[in-house]
Amino acid sequence: MSRDLDLWAYSKGVTLDFSRPGKPTDNAFIEAFNGRFRAECLNQDWFLTLADAREKMEDWRRYYNEERPHGAIGNKVPISLVNSGGATSPPP
């Protein structure tokens, strides 16, 4: 871990907690999300610029949270649990 990250975390009151190497089951939720993000976003597109990467990742994030049904919550869209009015999240 870098010293800068450690100092930033300390100054913000963030506790860093790392999974053990080779133990993805320590944090299965995050591992599942990372796999889905890689398969559905990172491996699908070429990012031509940093701005292009940001735009494509934001498009995927909106799809993931606002359009894609999630089996763990009864095939509902996550935003429907937060916002019963149906409004979408604000732009970044």
PDB file of N, CA and C in Angstrom:
ATOM      1  N   MET A   1       0.858  -1.164   0.000  1.00  0.00           N
ATOM      2  CA  MET A   1       0.000   0.000   0.000  1.00  0.00           C
ATOM      3  C   MET A   1       0.907   1.231   0.000  1.00  0.00           C
ATOM      4  N   SER A   2       0.517   2.211  -0.778  1.00  0.00           N
ATOM      5  CA  SER A   2       1.341   3.412  -0.862  1.00  0.00           C
ATOM      6  C   SER A   2       1.171   4.279   0.386  1.00  0.00           C
ATOM      7  N   ARG A   3       2.205   5.006   0.669  1.00  0.00           N
ATOM      8  CA  ARG A   3       2.172   5.927   1.809  1.00  0.00           C
ATOM      9  C   ARG A   3       1.100   6.992   1.607  1.00  0.00           C
ATOM     10  N   ASP A   4       0.957   7.482   0.362  1.00  0.00           N
ATOM     11  CA  ASP A   4      -0.048   8.512   0.079  1.00  0.00           C
ATOM     12  C   ASP A   4      -1.458   8.008   0.361  1.00  0.00           C
ATOM     13  N   LEU A   5      -1.747   6.778  -0.043  1.00  0.00           N
ATOM     14  CA  LEU A   5      -3.071   6.207   0.226  1.00  0.00           C
ATOM     15  C   LEU A   5      -3.289   6.082   1.724  1.00  0.00           C
ATOM     16  N   ASP A   6      -2.282   5.618   2.425  1.00  0.00           N
ATOM     17  CA  ASP A   6      -2.388   5.470   3.871  1.00  0.00           C
ATOM     18  C   ASP A   6      -2.641   6.822   4.544  1.00  0.00           C
ATOM     19  N   LEU A   7      -1.927   7.848   4.129  1.00  0.00           N
ATOM     20  CA  LEU A   7      -2.120   9.187   4.704  1.00  0.00           C
ATOM     21  C   LEU A   7      -3.500   9.745   4.370  1.00  0.00           C
ATOM     22  N   TRP A   8      -3.941   9.552   3.129  1.00  0.00           N
ATOM     23  CA  TRP A   8      -5.269  10.027   2.729  1.00  0.00           C
ATOM     24  C   TRP A   8      -6.339   9.351   3.582  1.00  0.00           C
ATOM     25  N   ALA A   9      -6.256   8.028   3.699  1.00  0.00           N
ATOM     26  CA  ALA A   9      -7.255   7.286   4.468  1.00  0.00           C
ATOM     27  C   ALA A   9      -7.273   7.758   5.919  1.00  0.00           C
ATOM     28  N   TYR A  10      -6.106   7.925   6.503  1.00  0.00           N
ATOM     29  CA  TYR A  10      -6.029   8.383   7.891  1.00  0.00           C
ATOM     30  C   TYR A  10      -6.663   9.763   8.042  1.00  0.00           C
ATOM     31  N   SER A  11      -6.356  10.673   7.110  1.00  0.00           N
ATOM     32  CA  SER A  11      -6.880  12.042   7.217  1.00  0.00           C
ATOM     33  C   SER A  11      -8.393  12.105   7.036  1.00  0.00           C
ATOM     34  N   LYS A  12      -8.967  11.132   6.329  1.00  0.00           N
ATOM     35  CA  LYS A  12     -10.412  11.108   6.080  1.00  0.00           C
ATOM     36  C   LYS A  12     -11.161  10.195   7.048  1.00  0.00           C
ATOM     37  N   GLY A  13     -10.422   9.525   7.928  1.00  0.00           N
ATOM     38  CA  GLY A  13     -11.063   8.614   8.866  1.00  0.00           C
ATOM     39  C   GLY A  13     -11.525   7.319   8.220  1.00  0.00           C
ATOM     40  N   VAL A  14     -10.866   6.942   7.129  1.00  0.00           N
ATOM     41  CA  VAL A  14     -11.230   5.727   6.398  1.00  0.00           C
ATOM     42  C   VAL A  14     -10.375   4.573   6.898  1.00  0.00           C
ATOM     43  N   THR A  15     -11.014   3.468   7.229  1.00  0.00           N
ATOM     44  CA  THR A  15     -10.296   2.266   7.624  1.00  0.00           C
ATOM     45  C   THR A  15     -10.097   1.400   6.393  1.00  0.00           C
ATOM     46  N   LEU A  16      -8.849   1.115   6.066  1.00  0.00           N
ATOM     47  CA  LEU A  16      -8.555   0.263   4.922  1.00  0.00           C
ATOM     48  C   LEU A  16      -8.597  -1.190   5.369  1.00  0.00           C
ATOM     49  N   ASP A  17      -9.261  -2.007   4.593  1.00  0.00           N
ATOM     50  CA  ASP A  17      -9.403  -3.422   4.914  1.00  0.00           C
ATOM     51  C   ASP A  17      -9.187  -4.207   3.630  1.00  0.00           C
ATOM     52  N   PHE A  18      -8.142  -4.990   3.587  1.00  0.00           N
ATOM     53  CA  PHE A  18      -7.791  -5.721   2.379  1.00  0.00           C
ATOM     54  C   PHE A  18      -8.131  -7.195   2.521  1.00  0.00           C
ATOM     55  N   SER A  19      -8.585  -7.787   1.428  1.00  0.00           N
ATOM     56  CA  SER A  19      -8.830  -9.224   1.406  1.00  0.00           C
ATOM     57  C   SER A  19      -7.490  -9.948   1.404  1.00  0.00           C
ATOM     58  N   ARG A  20      -7.508 -11.159   1.890  1.00  0.00           N
ATOM     59  CA  ARG A  20      -6.298 -11.967   1.857  1.00  0.00           C
ATOM     60  C   ARG A  20      -6.020 -12.377   0.415  1.00  0.00           C
ATOM     61  N   PRO A  21      -4.759 -12.384  -0.002  1.00  0.00           N
ATOM     62  CA  PRO A  21      -4.433 -12.808  -1.366  1.00  0.00           C
ATOM     63  C   PRO A  21      -4.963 -14.214  -1.649  1.00  0.00           C
ATOM     64  N   GLY A  22      -5.596 -14.375  -2.794  1.00  0.00           N
ATOM     65  CA  GLY A  22      -6.100 -15.683  -3.197  1.00  0.00           C
ATOM     66  C   GLY A  22      -7.371 -16.106  -2.498  1.00  0.00           C
ATOM     67  N   LYS A  23      -8.044 -15.193  -1.807  1.00  0.00           N
ATOM     68  CA  LYS A  23      -9.265 -15.518  -1.066  1.00  0.00           C
ATOM     69  C   LYS A  23     -10.417 -14.611  -1.504  1.00  0.00           C
ATOM     70  N   PRO A  24     -10.916 -14.775  -2.736  1.00  0.00           N
ATOM     71  CA  PRO A  24     -11.995 -13.899  -3.205  1.00  0.00           C
ATOM     72  C   PRO A  24     -13.276 -14.031  -2.390  1.00  0.00           C
ATOM     73  N   THR A  25     -13.431 -15.130  -1.671  1.00  0.00           N
ATOM     74  CA  THR A  25     -14.638 -15.298  -0.862  1.00  0.00           C
ATOM     75  C   THR A  25     -14.639 -14.395   0.369  1.00  0.00           C
ATOM     76  N   ASP A  26     -13.497 -13.769   0.685  1.00  0.00           N
ATOM     77  CA  ASP A  26     -13.468 -12.808   1.792  1.00  0.00           C
ATOM     78  C   ASP A  26     -14.400 -11.633   1.512  1.00  0.00           C
ATOM     79  N   ASN A  27     -14.587 -11.315   0.244  1.00  0.00           N
ATOM     80  CA  ASN A  27     -15.399 -10.172  -0.136  1.00  0.00           C
ATOM     81  C   ASN A  27     -16.165 -10.521  -1.413  1.00  0.00           C
ATOM     82  N   ALA A  28     -17.010 -11.521  -1.327  1.00  0.00           N
ATOM     83  CA  ALA A  28     -17.687 -12.066  -2.503  1.00  0.00           C
ATOM     84  C   ALA A  28     -18.543 -11.037  -3.230  1.00  0.00           C
ATOM     85  N   PHE A  29     -19.207 -10.139  -2.509  1.00  0.00           N
ATOM     86  CA  PHE A  29     -20.048  -9.130  -3.145  1.00  0.00           C
ATOM     87  C   PHE A  29     -19.225  -8.253  -4.082  1.00  0.00           C
ATOM     88  N   ILE A  30     -18.090  -7.769  -3.605  1.00  0.00           N
ATOM     89  CA  ILE A  30     -17.243  -6.901  -4.424  1.00  0.00           C
ATOM     90  C   ILE A  30     -16.626  -7.689  -5.569  1.00  0.00           C
ATOM     91  N   GLU A  31     -16.211  -8.919  -5.320  1.00  0.00           N
ATOM     92  CA  GLU A  31     -15.644  -9.736  -6.391  1.00  0.00           C
ATOM     93  C   GLU A  31     -16.668  -9.977  -7.493  1.00  0.00           C
ATOM     94  N   ALA A  32     -17.924 -10.220  -7.123  1.00  0.00           N
ATOM     95  CA  ALA A  32     -18.979 -10.422  -8.123  1.00  0.00           C
ATOM     96  C   ALA A  32     -19.209  -9.141  -8.918  1.00  0.00           C
ATOM     97  N   PHE A  33     -19.251  -8.010  -8.224  1.00  0.00           N
ATOM     98  CA  PHE A  33     -19.418  -6.728  -8.916  1.00  0.00           C
ATOM     99  C   PHE A  33     -18.252  -6.470  -9.864  1.00  0.00           C
ATOM    100  N   ASN A  34     -17.024  -6.673  -9.389  1.00  0.00           N
ATOM    101  CA  ASN A  34     -15.854  -6.435 -10.235  1.00  0.00           C
ATOM    102  C   ASN A  34     -15.883  -7.306 -11.486  1.00  0.00           C
ATOM    103  N   GLY A  35     -16.267  -8.565 -11.338  1.00  0.00           N
ATOM    104  CA  GLY A  35     -16.364  -9.457 -12.492  1.00  0.00           C
ATOM    105  C   GLY A  35     -17.411  -8.990 -13.483  1.00  0.00           C
ATOM    106  N   ARG A  36     -18.542  -8.568 -12.973  1.00  0.00           N
ATOM    107  CA  ARG A  36     -19.621  -8.069 -13.840  1.00  0.00           C
ATOM    108  C   ARG A  36     -19.193  -6.781 -14.545  1.00  0.00           C
ATOM    109  N   PHE A  37     -18.550  -5.875 -13.812  1.00  0.00           N
ATOM    110  CA  PHE A  37     -18.076  -4.619 -14.394  1.00  0.00           C
ATOM    111  C   PHE A  37     -17.061  -4.885 -15.504  1.00  0.00           C
ATOM    112  N   ARG A  38     -16.154  -5.812 -15.252  1.00  0.00           N
ATOM    113  CA  ARG A  38     -15.154  -6.139 -16.270  1.00  0.00           C
ATOM    114  C   ARG A  38     -15.818  -6.758 -17.498  1.00  0.00           C
ATOM    115  N   ALA A  39     -16.705  -7.723 -17.289  1.00  0.00           N
ATOM    116  CA  ALA A  39     -17.336  -8.420 -18.418  1.00  0.00           C
ATOM    117  C   ALA A  39     -18.286  -7.524 -19.205  1.00  0.00           C
ATOM    118  N   GLU A  40     -19.055  -6.693 -18.510  1.00  0.00           N
ATOM    119  CA  GLU A  40     -20.099  -5.910 -19.176  1.00  0.00           C
ATOM    120  C   GLU A  40     -19.642  -4.526 -19.623  1.00  0.00           C
ATOM    121  N   CYS A  41     -18.527  -4.052 -19.111  1.00  0.00           N
ATOM    122  CA  CYS A  41     -18.088  -2.696 -19.465  1.00  0.00           C
ATOM    123  C   CYS A  41     -16.646  -2.685 -19.968  1.00  0.00           C
ATOM    124  N   LEU A  42     -15.710  -3.038 -19.109  1.00  0.00           N
ATOM    125  CA  LEU A  42     -14.303  -2.878 -19.464  1.00  0.00           C
ATOM    126  C   LEU A  42     -13.885  -3.728 -20.658  1.00  0.00           C
ATOM    127  N   ASN A  43     -14.384  -4.958 -20.752  1.00  0.00           N
ATOM    128  CA  ASN A  43     -14.002  -5.833 -21.857  1.00  0.00           C
ATOM    129  C   ASN A  43     -14.828  -5.596 -23.118  1.00  0.00           C
ATOM    130  N   GLN A  44     -15.831  -4.751 -23.050  1.00  0.00           N
ATOM    131  CA  GLN A  44     -16.710  -4.511 -24.195  1.00  0.00           C
ATOM    132  C   GLN A  44     -16.258  -3.335 -25.051  1.00  0.00           C
ATOM    133  N   ASP A  45     -15.496  -2.429 -24.495  1.00  0.00           N
ATOM    134  CA  ASP A  45     -15.184  -1.178 -25.176  1.00  0.00           C
ATOM    135  C   ASP A  45     -13.693  -0.909 -25.230  1.00  0.00           C
ATOM    136  N   TRP A  46     -13.316  -0.169 -26.260  1.00  0.00           N
ATOM    137  CA  TRP A  46     -11.997   0.444 -26.315  1.00  0.00           C
ATOM    138  C   TRP A  46     -12.181   1.865 -25.814  1.00  0.00           C
ATOM    139  N   PHE A  47     -11.327   2.290 -24.940  1.00  0.00           N
ATOM    140  CA  PHE A  47     -11.392   3.650 -24.428  1.00  0.00           C
ATOM    141  C   PHE A  47     -10.336   4.478 -25.160  1.00  0.00           C
ATOM    142  N   LEU A  48     -10.796   5.438 -25.947  1.00  0.00           N
ATOM    143  CA  LEU A  48      -9.894   6.217 -26.789  1.00  0.00           C
ATOM    144  C   LEU A  48      -9.241   7.374 -26.044  1.00  0.00           C
ATOM    145  N   THR A  49      -9.935   7.902 -25.068  1.00  0.00           N
ATOM    146  CA  THR A  49      -9.411   8.994 -24.243  1.00  0.00           C
ATOM    147  C   THR A  49      -9.939   8.797 -22.829  1.00  0.00           C
ATOM    148  N   LEU A  50      -9.414   9.557 -21.904  1.00  0.00           N
ATOM    149  CA  LEU A  50      -9.917   9.496 -20.536  1.00  0.00           C
ATOM    150  C   LEU A  50     -11.378   9.928 -20.494  1.00  0.00           C
ATOM    151  N   ALA A  51     -11.721  10.964 -21.256  1.00  0.00           N
ATOM    152  CA  ALA A  51     -13.114  11.428 -21.305  1.00  0.00           C
ATOM    153  C   ALA A  51     -14.027  10.344 -21.877  1.00  0.00           C
ATOM    154  N   ASP A  52     -13.561   9.632 -22.887  1.00  0.00           N
ATOM    155  CA  ASP A  52     -14.335   8.540 -23.479  1.00  0.00           C
ATOM    156  C   ASP A  52     -14.549   7.426 -22.449  1.00  0.00           C
ATOM    157  N   ALA A  53     -13.507   7.102 -21.697  1.00  0.00           N
ATOM    158  CA  ALA A  53     -13.623   6.074 -20.661  1.00  0.00           C
ATOM    159  C   ALA A  53     -14.635   6.489 -19.600  1.00  0.00           C
ATOM    160  N   ARG A  54     -14.561   7.733 -19.169  1.00  0.00           N
ATOM    161  CA  ARG A  54     -15.508   8.223 -18.161  1.00  0.00           C
ATOM    162  C   ARG A  54     -16.942   8.135 -18.666  1.00  0.00           C
ATOM    163  N   GLU A  55     -17.152   8.538 -19.917  1.00  0.00           N
ATOM    164  CA  GLU A  55     -18.502   8.518 -20.489  1.00  0.00           C
ATOM    165  C   GLU A  55     -19.046   7.092 -20.576  1.00  0.00           C
ATOM    166  N   LYS A  56     -18.227   6.166 -21.049  1.00  0.00           N
ATOM    167  CA  LYS A  56     -18.683   4.780 -21.191  1.00  0.00           C
ATOM    168  C   LYS A  56     -18.928   4.130 -19.829  1.00  0.00           C
ATOM    169  N   MET A  57     -18.090   4.426 -18.866  1.00  0.00           N
ATOM    170  CA  MET A  57     -18.301   3.861 -17.531  1.00  0.00           C
ATOM    171  C   MET A  57     -19.533   4.462 -16.863  1.00  0.00           C
ATOM    172  N   GLU A  58     -19.773   5.738 -17.081  1.00  0.00           N
ATOM    173  CA  GLU A  58     -20.976   6.369 -16.533  1.00  0.00           C
ATOM    174  C   GLU A  58     -22.229   5.790 -17.182  1.00  0.00           C
ATOM    175  N   ASP A  59     -22.185   5.550 -18.489  1.00  0.00           N
ATOM    176  CA  ASP A  59     -23.319   4.916 -19.169  1.00  0.00           C
ATOM    177  C   ASP A  59     -23.598   3.549 -18.562  1.00  0.00           C
ATOM    178  N   TRP A  60     -22.542   2.768 -18.302  1.00  0.00           N
ATOM    179  CA  TRP A  60     -22.719   1.445 -17.711  1.00  0.00           C
ATOM    180  C   TRP A  60     -23.263   1.559 -16.289  1.00  0.00           C
ATOM    181  N   ARG A  61     -22.732   2.505 -15.513  1.00  0.00           N
ATOM    182  CA  ARG A  61     -23.200   2.682 -14.135  1.00  0.00           C
ATOM    183  C   ARG A  61     -24.686   3.009 -14.102  1.00  0.00           C
ATOM    184  N   ARG A  62     -25.106   3.895 -14.977  1.00  0.00           N
ATOM    185  CA  ARG A  62     -26.531   4.233 -15.038  1.00  0.00           C
ATOM    186  C   ARG A  62     -27.361   3.009 -15.415  1.00  0.00           C
ATOM    187  N   TYR A  63     -26.909   2.258 -16.416  1.00  0.00           N
ATOM    188  CA  TYR A  63     -27.617   1.039 -16.808  1.00  0.00           C
ATOM    189  C   TYR A  63     -27.699   0.071 -15.620  1.00  0.00           C
ATOM    190  N   TYR A  64     -26.587  -0.142 -14.955  1.00  0.00           N
ATOM    191  CA  TYR A  64     -26.512  -1.095 -13.843  1.00  0.00           C
ATOM    192  C   TYR A  64     -27.450  -0.709 -12.705  1.00  0.00           C
ATOM    193  N   ASN A  65     -27.538   0.580 -12.399  1.00  0.00           N
ATOM    194  CA  ASN A  65     -28.343   1.036 -11.264  1.00  0.00           C
ATOM    195  C   ASN A  65     -29.764   1.445 -11.600  1.00  0.00           C
ATOM    196  N   GLU A  66     -30.024   1.800 -12.866  1.00  0.00           N
ATOM    197  CA  GLU A  66     -31.313   2.390 -13.208  1.00  0.00           C
ATOM    198  C   GLU A  66     -32.145   1.592 -14.203  1.00  0.00           C
ATOM    199  N   GLU A  67     -31.553   0.613 -14.878  1.00  0.00           N
ATOM    200  CA  GLU A  67     -32.305  -0.138 -15.879  1.00  0.00           C
ATOM    201  C   GLU A  67     -32.237  -1.649 -15.689  1.00  0.00           C
ATOM    202  N   ARG A  68     -31.113  -2.156 -15.255  1.00  0.00           N
ATOM    203  CA  ARG A  68     -30.870  -3.593 -15.182  1.00  0.00           C
ATOM    204  C   ARG A  68     -31.524  -4.193 -13.941  1.00  0.00           C
ATOM    205  N   PRO A  69     -32.414  -5.188 -14.129  1.00  0.00           N
ATOM    206  CA  PRO A  69     -33.003  -5.862 -12.967  1.00  0.00           C
ATOM    207  C   PRO A  69     -31.937  -6.671 -12.213  1.00  0.00           C
ATOM    208  N   HIS A  70     -32.028  -6.678 -10.904  1.00  0.00           N
ATOM    209  CA  HIS A  70     -31.085  -7.416 -10.067  1.00  0.00           C
ATOM    210  C   HIS A  70     -31.831  -8.541  -9.357  1.00  0.00           C
ATOM    211  N   GLY A  71     -31.374  -9.757  -9.573  1.00  0.00           N
ATOM    212  CA  GLY A  71     -32.019 -10.920  -8.981  1.00  0.00           C
ATOM    213  C   GLY A  71     -32.045 -10.902  -7.463  1.00  0.00           C
ATOM    214  N   ALA A  72     -31.027 -10.339  -6.846  1.00  0.00           N
ATOM    215  CA  ALA A  72     -30.938 -10.335  -5.384  1.00  0.00           C
ATOM    216  C   ALA A  72     -32.000  -9.459  -4.734  1.00  0.00           C
ATOM    217  N   ILE A  73     -32.621  -8.591  -5.508  1.00  0.00           N
ATOM    218  CA  ILE A  73     -33.661  -7.711  -4.954  1.00  0.00           C
ATOM    219  C   ILE A  73     -34.984  -7.927  -5.686  1.00  0.00           C
ATOM    220  N   GLY A  74     -35.243  -9.196  -6.033  1.00  0.00           N
ATOM    221  CA  GLY A  74     -36.524  -9.551  -6.634  1.00  0.00           C
ATOM    222  C   GLY A  74     -36.695  -9.055  -8.059  1.00  0.00           C
ATOM    223  N   ASN A  75     -35.605  -9.047  -8.820  1.00  0.00           N
ATOM    224  CA  ASN A  75     -35.613  -8.575 -10.209  1.00  0.00           C
ATOM    225  C   ASN A  75     -36.122  -7.145 -10.344  1.00  0.00           C
ATOM    226  N   LYS A  76     -35.841  -6.347  -9.330  1.00  0.00           N
ATOM    227  CA  LYS A  76     -36.163  -4.919  -9.386  1.00  0.00           C
ATOM    228  C   LYS A  76     -34.915  -4.158  -9.818  1.00  0.00           C
ATOM    229  N   VAL A  77     -35.135  -2.940 -10.254  1.00  0.00           N
ATOM    230  CA  VAL A  77     -34.032  -2.046 -10.585  1.00  0.00           C
ATOM    231  C   VAL A  77     -33.617  -1.350  -9.288  1.00  0.00           C
ATOM    232  N   PRO A  78     -32.326  -1.308  -8.963  1.00  0.00           N
ATOM    233  CA  PRO A  78     -31.903  -0.737  -7.687  1.00  0.00           C
ATOM    234  C   PRO A  78     -32.453   0.650  -7.390  1.00  0.00           C
ATOM    235  N   ILE A  79     -32.509   1.502  -8.370  1.00  0.00           N
ATOM    236  CA  ILE A  79     -32.976   2.866  -8.094  1.00  0.00           C
ATOM    237  C   ILE A  79     -34.426   2.878  -7.630  1.00  0.00           C
ATOM    238  N   SER A  80     -35.197   1.854  -8.000  1.00  0.00           N
ATOM    239  CA  SER A  80     -36.602   1.819  -7.578  1.00  0.00           C
ATOM    240  C   SER A  80     -36.730   1.645  -6.067  1.00  0.00           C
ATOM    241  N   LEU A  81     -35.723   1.090  -5.434  1.00  0.00           N
ATOM    242  CA  LEU A  81     -35.748   0.921  -3.982  1.00  0.00           C
ATOM    243  C   LEU A  81     -35.390   2.215  -3.259  1.00  0.00           C
ATOM    244  N   VAL A  82     -34.659   3.067  -3.929  1.00  0.00           N
ATOM    245  CA  VAL A  82     -34.210   4.322  -3.338  1.00  0.00           C
ATOM    246  C   VAL A  82     -35.171   5.449  -3.647  1.00  0.00           C
ATOM    247  N   ASN A  83     -35.737   5.401  -4.843  1.00  0.00           N
ATOM    248  CA  ASN A  83     -36.496   6.536  -5.336  1.00  0.00           C
ATOM    249  C   ASN A  83     -37.820   6.061  -5.917  1.00  0.00           C
ATOM    250  N   SER A  84     -38.859   6.106  -5.159  1.00  0.00           N
ATOM    251  CA  SER A  84     -40.152   5.627  -5.641  1.00  0.00           C
ATOM    252  C   SER A  84     -40.759   6.542  -6.696  1.00  0.00           C
ATOM    253  N   GLY A  85     -40.236   7.760  -6.859  1.00  0.00           N
ATOM    254  CA  GLY A  85     -40.740   8.687  -7.868  1.00  0.00           C
ATOM    255  C   GLY A  85     -40.242   8.395  -9.266  1.00  0.00           C
ATOM    256  N   GLY A  86     -39.246   7.520  -9.398  1.00  0.00           N
ATOM    257  CA  GLY A  86     -38.751   7.127 -10.704  1.00  0.00           C
ATOM    258  C   GLY A  86     -37.741   8.066 -11.335  1.00  0.00           C
ATOM    259  N   ALA A  87     -37.312   9.099 -10.625  1.00  0.00           N
ATOM    260  CA  ALA A  87     -36.327  10.020 -11.196  1.00  0.00           C
ATOM    261  C   ALA A  87     -34.973   9.340 -11.286  1.00  0.00           C
ATOM    262  N   THR A  88     -34.199   9.714 -12.281  1.00  0.00           N
ATOM    263  CA  THR A  88     -32.869   9.143 -12.430  1.00  0.00           C
ATOM    264  C   THR A  88     -31.878   9.924 -11.594  1.00  0.00           C
ATOM    265  N   SER A  89     -30.709   9.348 -11.426  1.00  0.00           N
ATOM    266  CA  SER A  89     -29.686  10.012 -10.623  1.00  0.00           C
ATOM    267  C   SER A  89     -29.154  11.228 -11.362  1.00  0.00           C
ATOM    268  N   PRO A  90     -28.634  12.178 -10.632  1.00  0.00           N
ATOM    269  CA  PRO A  90     -28.106  13.386 -11.267  1.00  0.00           C
ATOM    270  C   PRO A  90     -26.837  13.080 -12.046  1.00  0.00           C
ATOM    271  N   PRO A  91     -26.481  13.915 -12.998  1.00  0.00           N
ATOM    272  CA  PRO A  91     -25.236  13.699 -13.736  1.00  0.00           C
ATOM    273  C   PRO A  91     -24.047  13.840 -12.799  1.00  0.00           C
ATOM    274  N   PRO A  92     -22.927  13.202 -13.142  1.00  0.00           N
ATOM    275  CA  PRO A  92     -21.743  13.253 -12.265  1.00  0.00           C
ATOM    276  C   PRO A  92     -21.163  14.642 -12.160  1.00  0.00           C
TER     277      PRO A  92
END
